[in-house]
Every structure is written in structure tokens, then in C-alpha cells.
């Protein structure tokens, strides 16, 4: 199976997951299946990270809380957990990107681009600063919309936005930025997607607070 086919299958799988998550939340947000589908991946990743970081007691504590929520989901306001996960992730990303825009810091996207395009021309530095700012605004807007829909719209409407429209908007951001980059700034060399992923991981690691 070639790379294009693998990415196509991954896109279909993620799309199916998004639709399943929306269906489960709209039908019964407190069901075991809904909790496992929406919160399971995040909790699993947190447990894996804590375990491998040597925080075994914290991992056991989190696992205990997760089991308690799973067993009592029908009696708990679990929709607030879904909101906290969705809005929290985007606020965290806004902080992650936004803090690199402060004076004396190099914007996150500039750092990423520098790993792929070296040397960086002045126009490229300016552009990547703007892109970092755009992503920061995007993450804040997603979190803000999530809060507003949760407060003033039915849960099904919030779920549609969080589980279906948010991933679509994320893909749209990547596509629009990609098209603008090579139309407005042809000085950027075209790079493979996996090279961009590796650069992102390296830049993220360099920005992780010690």
C-alpha cells in the first residue's frame, strides 16, 4: 500500500471517528461507549505519558478517577468534561503558539520553517510570524466558539461543532496556509509532509518548558 492510500485510509478512519463521536454525544452523552470514544484516547495518552515519566502513583490515581467516571457517567454532568477537553486543548495550543510571539522569542512556525528552509530570507521570517499569529487566533476562536455553543445551544449543536466541524476547519487551515505560502512566497522550498512532521516534533521538543 502506497503512502497516498495510507493517508486516504487514515482520513476515512478519522472522519468515521468524528461522526461516531457526534452521534454518541447527541444520543447519550453519559453512556460508557460515548465516554470511551471521546475521553478514552486522551486519558490513555495521559496514562502512557505519566507511566513512562515515572509518575506511577499519579497514573494509578488518574486511572481510578477514569474508572469512577466510566461507572457513573449516567449520573454525572459528563458534557462538562467534553467541553473541558475540547476547549482546553485549543486554549493550550493558543498559549503554546502565542507565547513564542512575545518579544525576544522566535515564533513557533518560524522555528519549524528554519529546520526545513535554511537560511531563512527576511520575507520568510515575517510570513512565518504572521502564520504563528494566525494559528494562535484560530485556536482562541475555536475555544471561544466551543464555550458559546455549550452555553447557548443544544448539546447536539455543540457536538457537531466540536467533533465534526473542528477537524474540518483544522484541515482547511492547513490547506489554505499551504496554498497561500507557495502563491505569495515561492521562495519556500516544497517539502515532504513527513519532513514537516519531523520538524514540528523537533520544534515542539525545543519549546517544551523544562
Protein backbone atom coordinates (compact mmCIF):
# COMPACT_ATOMS: atom_id res chain seq x y z
CA UNK A 1 0.00 0.00 0.00
CA UNK A 2 1.48 3.34 -1.04
CA UNK A 3 1.64 6.45 1.12
CA UNK A 4 -1.32 8.12 -0.59
CA UNK A 5 -3.54 5.11 0.08
CA UNK A 6 -2.45 5.01 3.73
CA UNK A 7 -3.24 8.68 4.20
CA UNK A 8 -6.59 8.17 2.49
CA UNK A 9 -7.47 5.33 4.86
CA UNK A 10 -6.37 7.44 7.82
CA UNK A 11 -8.63 10.29 6.66
CA UNK A 12 -11.59 7.92 6.29
CA UNK A 13 -10.92 6.48 9.74
CA UNK A 14 -10.71 9.91 11.37
CA UNK A 15 -13.87 11.00 9.58
CA UNK A 16 -15.72 7.92 10.81
CA UNK A 17 -14.47 8.55 14.34
CA UNK A 18 -15.70 12.16 14.24
CA UNK A 19 -19.17 11.13 13.06
CA UNK A 20 -19.35 8.34 15.65
CA UNK A 21 -18.35 10.72 18.45
CA UNK A 22 -21.02 13.22 17.39
CA UNK A 23 -23.68 10.51 17.20
CA UNK A 24 -22.86 9.13 20.64
CA UNK A 25 -22.83 12.53 22.35
CA UNK A 26 -26.10 13.54 20.68
CA UNK A 27 -27.80 10.27 21.64
CA UNK A 28 -26.49 9.65 25.17
CA UNK A 29 -23.52 11.71 26.35
CA UNK A 30 -23.16 9.70 29.56
CA UNK A 31 -23.03 6.25 28.02
CA UNK A 32 -19.98 4.06 28.50
CA UNK A 33 -19.37 3.95 24.75
CA UNK A 34 -19.53 7.75 24.47
CA UNK A 35 -17.10 8.20 27.35
CA UNK A 36 -14.67 5.65 25.94
CA UNK A 37 -14.85 7.15 22.46
CA UNK A 38 -14.46 10.82 23.42
CA UNK A 39 -12.34 10.72 26.56
CA UNK A 40 -10.59 7.36 26.16
CA UNK A 41 -7.83 8.46 23.73
CA UNK A 42 -6.88 11.50 25.83
CA UNK A 43 -6.92 9.59 29.11
CA UNK A 44 -4.95 6.74 27.55
CA UNK A 45 -2.30 9.14 26.24
CA UNK A 46 -2.06 10.82 29.65
CA UNK A 47 -1.68 7.48 31.43
CA UNK A 48 1.00 6.36 28.98
CA UNK A 49 2.91 9.60 29.45
CA UNK A 50 2.67 9.52 33.23
CA UNK A 51 3.72 5.87 33.40
CA UNK A 52 6.77 6.35 31.21
CA UNK A 53 7.67 9.54 33.11
CA UNK A 54 7.86 7.51 36.31
CA UNK A 55 4.71 9.06 37.82
CA UNK A 56 3.18 5.68 38.64
CA UNK A 57 1.08 6.83 41.62
CA UNK A 58 -0.37 9.71 39.63
CA UNK A 59 -1.14 7.31 36.80
CA UNK A 60 -2.96 4.95 39.16
CA UNK A 61 -4.89 7.90 40.59
CA UNK A 62 -5.94 9.09 37.15
CA UNK A 63 -6.94 5.55 36.18
CA UNK A 64 -9.09 5.32 39.31
CA UNK A 65 -10.83 8.59 38.50
CA UNK A 66 -11.39 7.44 34.92
CA UNK A 67 -12.98 4.18 36.07
CA UNK A 68 -15.21 6.05 38.53
CA UNK A 69 -16.40 8.40 35.78
CA UNK A 70 -16.96 5.46 33.45
CA UNK A 71 -19.11 3.63 36.02
CA UNK A 72 -21.12 6.71 36.97
CA UNK A 73 -21.30 8.57 33.67
CA UNK A 74 -25.09 8.48 33.52
CA UNK A 75 -25.27 10.34 36.86
CA UNK A 76 -22.52 12.88 36.18
CA UNK A 77 -22.51 16.09 34.09
CA UNK A 78 -20.07 14.50 31.67
CA UNK A 79 -20.80 17.09 28.99
CA UNK A 80 -18.63 19.45 31.03
CA UNK A 81 -15.75 17.00 30.69
CA UNK A 82 -16.20 17.02 26.92
CA UNK A 83 -16.18 20.82 26.93
CA UNK A 84 -13.08 20.92 29.13
CA UNK A 85 -11.27 18.55 26.79
CA UNK A 86 -12.20 20.34 23.57
CA UNK A 87 -11.80 23.94 24.75
CA UNK A 88 -8.85 23.10 26.99
CA UNK A 89 -6.84 21.55 24.17
CA UNK A 90 -7.36 24.59 21.96
CA UNK A 91 -6.60 27.09 24.70
CA UNK A 92 -3.44 25.14 25.48
CA UNK A 93 -2.41 25.28 21.82
CA UNK A 94 -3.17 29.01 21.70
CA UNK A 95 -0.89 29.52 24.69
CA UNK A 96 1.79 27.27 23.16
CA UNK A 97 1.86 29.24 19.90
CA UNK A 98 1.14 32.65 21.37
CA UNK A 99 3.94 32.64 23.94
CA UNK A 100 6.51 32.42 21.13
CA UNK A 101 5.22 35.75 19.75
CA UNK A 102 6.50 37.67 22.76
CA UNK A 103 9.47 40.00 22.41
CA UNK A 104 12.74 38.16 22.46
CA UNK A 105 11.18 34.86 21.32
CA UNK A 106 11.20 33.29 17.88
CA UNK A 107 7.69 32.43 16.64
CA UNK A 108 6.93 28.73 16.66
CA UNK A 109 6.25 28.45 12.92
CA UNK A 110 9.48 30.34 12.23
CA UNK A 111 11.37 27.77 14.29
CA UNK A 112 9.69 24.97 12.36
CA UNK A 113 10.42 26.59 9.00
CA UNK A 114 14.04 27.19 9.92
CA UNK A 115 14.51 23.43 10.31
CA UNK A 116 13.27 22.95 6.75
CA UNK A 117 14.49 26.10 4.98
CA UNK A 118 17.92 27.32 5.95
CA UNK A 119 18.93 30.07 5.50
CA UNK A 120 15.64 31.91 6.05
CA UNK A 121 15.04 35.03 3.98
CA UNK A 122 13.60 38.11 5.78
CA UNK A 123 10.29 37.75 3.92
CA UNK A 124 10.04 34.16 5.15
CA UNK A 125 10.62 35.23 8.75
CA UNK A 126 7.87 37.86 8.52
CA UNK A 127 5.46 35.42 6.89
CA UNK A 128 6.00 32.67 9.46
CA UNK A 129 5.42 35.17 12.28
CA UNK A 130 2.08 36.04 10.70
CA UNK A 131 1.24 32.33 10.38
CA UNK A 132 2.04 31.75 14.05
CA UNK A 133 -0.28 34.63 14.94
CA UNK A 134 -3.00 33.25 12.66
CA UNK A 135 -2.84 29.83 14.34
CA UNK A 136 -2.99 31.46 17.77
CA UNK A 137 -6.12 33.39 16.77
CA UNK A 138 -7.63 30.25 15.26
CA UNK A 139 -7.19 28.22 18.46
CA UNK A 140 -8.67 31.02 20.58
CA UNK A 141 -11.62 31.32 18.18
CA UNK A 142 -12.31 27.59 18.30
CA UNK A 143 -12.23 27.57 22.12
CA UNK A 144 -14.43 30.67 22.32
CA UNK A 145 -16.98 29.22 19.90
CA UNK A 146 -16.97 26.00 21.90
CA UNK A 147 -17.82 27.88 25.10
CA UNK A 148 -20.57 29.92 23.42
CA UNK A 149 -22.25 26.93 21.79
CA UNK A 150 -22.06 24.94 25.00
CA UNK A 151 -23.70 27.79 26.92
CA UNK A 152 -26.38 28.84 24.45
CA UNK A 153 -27.05 25.97 22.05
CA UNK A 154 -28.25 22.37 22.41
CA UNK A 155 -25.58 19.80 23.21
CA UNK A 156 -26.07 18.25 19.77
CA UNK A 157 -25.11 21.56 18.13
CA UNK A 158 -22.01 21.84 20.30
CA UNK A 159 -21.10 18.23 19.49
CA UNK A 160 -21.43 18.86 15.75
CA UNK A 161 -19.04 21.78 16.06
CA UNK A 162 -16.57 20.04 18.38
CA UNK A 163 -16.47 16.61 16.77
CA UNK A 164 -17.13 17.29 13.08
CA UNK A 165 -16.62 20.95 12.17
CA UNK A 166 -13.48 21.48 14.23
CA UNK A 167 -11.46 18.79 12.39
CA UNK A 168 -12.76 20.12 9.06
CA UNK A 169 -11.71 23.66 9.98
CA UNK A 170 -8.28 22.38 11.03
CA UNK A 171 -7.73 20.71 7.66
CA UNK A 172 -8.99 23.87 5.93
CA UNK A 173 -6.45 25.97 7.85
CA UNK A 174 -3.62 23.71 6.70
CA UNK A 175 -4.80 23.72 3.08
CA UNK A 176 -5.35 27.49 2.89
CA UNK A 177 -1.98 28.23 4.50
CA UNK A 178 -0.24 25.80 2.15
CA UNK A 179 -1.79 27.41 -0.93
CA UNK A 180 -1.05 30.95 0.26
CA UNK A 181 2.53 30.07 1.20
CA UNK A 182 3.55 28.92 -2.26
CA UNK A 183 1.48 31.52 -4.08
CA UNK A 184 2.71 34.55 -2.10
CA UNK A 185 6.15 33.23 -1.16
CA UNK A 186 7.62 30.96 -3.85
CA UNK A 187 10.98 31.27 -2.05
CA UNK A 188 9.79 28.48 0.26
CA UNK A 189 11.10 25.14 -0.98
CA UNK A 190 8.47 22.44 -1.23
CA UNK A 191 8.97 19.80 1.44
CA UNK A 192 7.52 16.36 2.08
CA UNK A 193 4.79 16.07 4.68
CA UNK A 194 6.79 13.66 6.85
CA UNK A 195 9.70 16.11 6.89
CA UNK A 196 7.32 18.79 8.17
CA UNK A 197 6.07 16.41 10.87
CA UNK A 198 9.65 15.72 12.00
CA UNK A 199 10.40 19.44 12.08
CA UNK A 200 7.26 20.05 14.13
CA UNK A 201 8.27 17.42 16.67
CA UNK A 202 11.75 18.86 16.95
CA UNK A 203 10.43 22.42 17.39
CA UNK A 204 7.84 21.25 19.94
CA UNK A 205 10.53 19.45 21.93
CA UNK A 206 12.71 22.56 21.89
CA UNK A 207 9.79 24.65 23.20
CA UNK A 208 8.78 22.27 26.00
CA UNK A 209 9.31 24.03 29.35
CA UNK A 210 11.97 22.27 31.42
